[in-house]
N, C-alpha and C. Protein backbone atom coordinates (compact mmCIF):
# COMPACT_ATOMS: atom_id res chain seq x y z
N MET A 1 121.22 225.63 70.42
CA MET A 1 121.69 224.80 69.34
C MET A 1 121.02 225.31 68.04
N THR A 2 121.81 225.42 66.97
CA THR A 2 121.27 225.91 65.72
C THR A 2 120.42 224.87 65.01
N LYS A 3 119.30 225.37 64.46
CA LYS A 3 118.38 224.46 63.71
C LYS A 3 118.62 224.76 62.24
N ILE A 4 118.81 223.74 61.45
CA ILE A 4 118.85 223.87 59.94
C ILE A 4 117.64 223.24 59.24
N ARG A 5 116.90 224.09 58.74
CA ARG A 5 115.75 223.65 57.95
C ARG A 5 116.21 222.93 56.63
N CYS A 6 115.68 221.75 56.49
CA CYS A 6 116.09 220.87 55.35
C CYS A 6 115.04 220.84 54.37
N ARG A 7 115.42 220.96 53.05
CA ARG A 7 114.47 220.85 51.90
C ARG A 7 114.40 219.51 51.25
N TYR A 8 115.37 218.60 51.70
CA TYR A 8 115.25 217.26 51.22
C TYR A 8 114.18 216.47 51.85
N ILE A 9 113.18 215.98 51.16
CA ILE A 9 112.02 215.31 51.80
C ILE A 9 112.29 213.82 52.13
N ASP A 10 113.38 213.32 51.51
CA ASP A 10 113.64 211.88 51.64
C ASP A 10 114.99 211.58 52.47
N CYS A 11 115.49 212.61 53.19
CA CYS A 11 116.75 212.42 53.97
C CYS A 11 116.47 211.69 55.22
N GLY A 12 117.40 210.76 55.56
CA GLY A 12 117.34 210.03 56.79
C GLY A 12 117.48 210.84 58.08
N PHE A 13 118.17 211.99 57.91
CA PHE A 13 118.39 212.89 59.05
C PHE A 13 117.16 213.95 59.24
N LEU A 14 116.16 213.86 58.40
CA LEU A 14 115.04 214.83 58.51
C LEU A 14 114.22 214.57 59.72
N ASP A 15 114.01 215.53 60.56
CA ASP A 15 113.11 215.40 61.70
C ASP A 15 112.25 216.65 61.82
N GLU A 16 110.89 216.45 61.33
CA GLU A 16 109.96 217.50 61.38
C GLU A 16 110.45 218.71 60.59
N GLY A 17 111.10 218.53 59.43
CA GLY A 17 111.55 219.71 58.63
C GLY A 17 112.94 220.19 58.87
N TYR A 18 113.53 219.74 60.00
CA TYR A 18 114.86 220.13 60.35
C TYR A 18 115.85 218.98 60.34
N CYS A 19 117.10 219.38 60.14
CA CYS A 19 118.21 218.38 60.10
C CYS A 19 118.58 218.00 61.39
N SER A 20 118.67 216.65 61.71
CA SER A 20 118.97 216.16 62.98
C SER A 20 120.45 215.57 63.08
N ALA A 21 121.23 215.72 61.99
CA ALA A 21 122.58 215.24 61.98
C ALA A 21 123.46 215.97 62.93
N ALA A 22 124.40 215.27 63.52
CA ALA A 22 125.36 215.87 64.49
C ALA A 22 126.20 216.88 63.76
N LEU A 23 126.65 216.57 62.57
CA LEU A 23 127.59 217.40 61.85
C LEU A 23 127.02 217.51 60.38
N VAL A 24 126.90 218.73 59.92
CA VAL A 24 126.34 218.98 58.63
C VAL A 24 127.46 219.66 57.74
N GLU A 25 127.71 219.03 56.52
CA GLU A 25 128.64 219.54 55.64
C GLU A 25 127.91 220.04 54.36
N LEU A 26 128.20 221.35 54.00
CA LEU A 26 127.61 221.97 52.88
C LEU A 26 128.60 222.30 51.78
N ASP A 27 128.24 222.25 50.57
CA ASP A 27 129.12 222.57 49.48
C ASP A 27 128.31 223.49 48.55
N LEU A 28 128.85 224.60 48.05
CA LEU A 28 128.08 225.51 47.25
C LEU A 28 127.73 224.86 45.98
N ASP A 29 128.50 224.00 45.35
CA ASP A 29 128.14 223.38 44.07
C ASP A 29 127.33 222.08 44.21
N GLN A 30 127.67 221.25 45.28
CA GLN A 30 126.98 219.96 45.39
C GLN A 30 125.74 219.98 46.38
N GLY A 31 125.66 220.95 47.19
CA GLY A 31 124.60 221.02 48.17
C GLY A 31 125.02 220.38 49.42
N CYS A 32 124.10 219.67 50.12
CA CYS A 32 124.34 219.02 51.46
C CYS A 32 125.10 217.79 51.14
N LEU A 33 126.28 217.73 51.73
CA LEU A 33 127.04 216.46 51.66
C LEU A 33 126.70 215.47 52.81
N THR A 34 125.95 215.90 53.72
CA THR A 34 125.59 214.94 54.83
C THR A 34 124.27 214.21 54.37
N TYR A 35 123.51 214.65 53.37
CA TYR A 35 122.28 214.07 52.86
C TYR A 35 122.46 212.57 52.72
N ALA A 36 121.56 211.78 53.33
CA ALA A 36 121.55 210.39 53.17
C ALA A 36 120.13 209.99 52.88
N PRO A 37 119.75 209.47 51.68
CA PRO A 37 118.41 209.06 51.33
C PRO A 37 117.97 207.93 52.17
N THR A 38 116.68 207.94 52.51
CA THR A 38 116.14 206.82 53.29
C THR A 38 116.11 205.63 52.46
N ALA A 39 115.94 204.40 53.00
CA ALA A 39 115.92 203.13 52.21
C ALA A 39 114.75 203.11 51.23
N GLU A 40 113.64 203.78 51.64
CA GLU A 40 112.42 203.84 50.87
C GLU A 40 112.70 204.62 49.55
N ALA A 41 113.53 205.64 49.62
CA ALA A 41 113.76 206.51 48.49
C ALA A 41 114.72 205.94 47.50
N ILE A 42 115.46 204.91 47.77
CA ILE A 42 116.44 204.31 46.90
C ILE A 42 115.70 203.42 45.94
N PRO A 43 115.76 203.60 44.69
CA PRO A 43 115.08 202.75 43.68
C PRO A 43 115.67 201.30 43.69
N GLU A 44 114.84 200.38 43.73
CA GLU A 44 115.23 198.94 43.72
C GLU A 44 115.66 198.49 42.33
N ASP A 45 115.00 198.97 41.36
CA ASP A 45 115.31 198.58 40.01
C ASP A 45 116.53 199.35 39.42
N ASP A 46 117.33 198.63 38.75
CA ASP A 46 118.44 199.30 38.03
C ASP A 46 117.91 199.64 36.65
N TRP A 47 118.25 200.74 36.13
CA TRP A 47 117.77 201.15 34.83
C TRP A 47 118.45 200.35 33.79
N ASP A 48 117.67 199.88 32.83
CA ASP A 48 118.26 199.29 31.69
C ASP A 48 118.59 200.30 30.71
N GLU A 49 119.93 200.45 30.44
CA GLU A 49 120.37 201.60 29.62
C GLU A 49 119.82 201.45 28.20
N GLU A 50 119.78 200.28 27.66
CA GLU A 50 119.22 200.11 26.33
C GLU A 50 117.80 200.48 26.30
N GLU A 51 116.92 200.09 27.26
CA GLU A 51 115.57 200.36 27.23
C GLU A 51 115.30 201.86 27.31
N THR A 52 116.06 202.56 28.22
CA THR A 52 115.99 203.91 28.29
C THR A 52 116.29 204.65 27.03
N GLU A 53 117.37 204.27 26.32
CA GLU A 53 117.69 204.82 25.08
C GLU A 53 116.56 204.69 23.93
N GLU A 54 115.98 203.52 24.01
CA GLU A 54 114.83 203.17 23.10
C GLU A 54 113.72 204.17 23.38
N GLU A 55 113.34 204.43 24.62
CA GLU A 55 112.26 205.30 24.96
C GLU A 55 112.63 206.75 24.50
N TRP A 56 113.83 207.21 24.60
CA TRP A 56 114.21 208.54 24.22
C TRP A 56 114.10 208.62 22.68
N GLU A 57 114.51 207.55 22.06
CA GLU A 57 114.41 207.56 20.54
C GLU A 57 112.99 207.68 20.13
N GLU A 58 112.12 206.89 20.78
CA GLU A 58 110.68 206.99 20.47
C GLU A 58 110.14 208.34 20.67
N LEU A 59 110.47 209.04 21.71
CA LEU A 59 110.06 210.39 21.99
C LEU A 59 110.55 211.38 20.90
N GLU A 60 111.84 211.23 20.61
CA GLU A 60 112.40 212.11 19.61
C GLU A 60 111.71 211.88 18.25
N ASP A 61 111.36 210.68 17.83
CA ASP A 61 110.60 210.36 16.62
C ASP A 61 109.22 211.12 16.65
N GLU A 62 108.52 211.00 17.76
CA GLU A 62 107.19 211.64 17.93
C GLU A 62 107.35 213.19 17.74
N GLU A 63 108.40 213.78 18.33
CA GLU A 63 108.61 215.21 18.19
C GLU A 63 108.79 215.60 16.75
N GLU A 64 109.59 214.75 16.06
CA GLU A 64 109.87 215.03 14.61
C GLU A 64 108.59 214.97 13.82
N ASP A 65 107.77 213.91 14.09
CA ASP A 65 106.47 213.86 13.40
C ASP A 65 105.60 215.07 13.69
N GLU A 66 105.66 215.53 14.89
CA GLU A 66 104.88 216.69 15.18
C GLU A 66 105.32 217.97 14.50
N ASP A 67 106.75 218.07 14.43
CA ASP A 67 107.32 219.23 13.57
C ASP A 67 106.93 219.15 12.14
N LEU A 68 106.93 217.98 11.59
CA LEU A 68 106.46 217.84 10.20
C LEU A 68 105.06 218.19 9.99
N TRP A 69 104.23 217.84 10.89
CA TRP A 69 102.82 218.14 10.75
C TRP A 69 102.63 219.76 10.90
N LEU A 70 103.41 220.35 11.76
CA LEU A 70 103.31 221.77 11.91
C LEU A 70 103.78 222.52 10.64
N ASP A 71 104.84 221.97 10.04
CA ASP A 71 105.36 222.56 8.83
C ASP A 71 104.34 222.51 7.70
N GLU A 72 103.67 221.37 7.55
CA GLU A 72 102.60 221.23 6.54
C GLU A 72 101.48 222.19 6.74
N GLU A 73 101.10 222.43 8.03
CA GLU A 73 100.04 223.38 8.35
C GLU A 73 100.41 224.73 7.97
N ASP A 74 101.69 225.14 8.24
CA ASP A 74 102.16 226.52 7.83
C ASP A 74 102.11 226.63 6.34
N GLU A 75 102.47 225.59 5.56
CA GLU A 75 102.50 225.79 4.08
C GLU A 75 101.07 225.95 3.49
N THR A 76 100.12 225.29 4.13
CA THR A 76 98.71 225.45 3.63
C THR A 76 98.11 226.79 4.08
N GLU A 77 98.69 227.45 5.06
CA GLU A 77 98.11 228.81 5.34
C GLU A 77 98.59 229.87 4.40
N ASP A 78 99.64 229.64 3.75
CA ASP A 78 100.30 230.67 2.70
C ASP A 78 99.44 230.80 1.56
């Protein structure tokens, strides 16, 4: 029997680093189509899209502030 080493650490078919599924389907673009995450790996919380957008906006603002600071530093060196 062929053994297939699996790189998914949270797959339900994982058995000591090898796939234990009876049938394995692979796709070059999508990877393993047989992959089934364990119940522990599925996040219980749904992401709040508005909250996530706010966090990204905050990060972008911080990056802009850092860029301004770097620009000011360059001007003083001239």
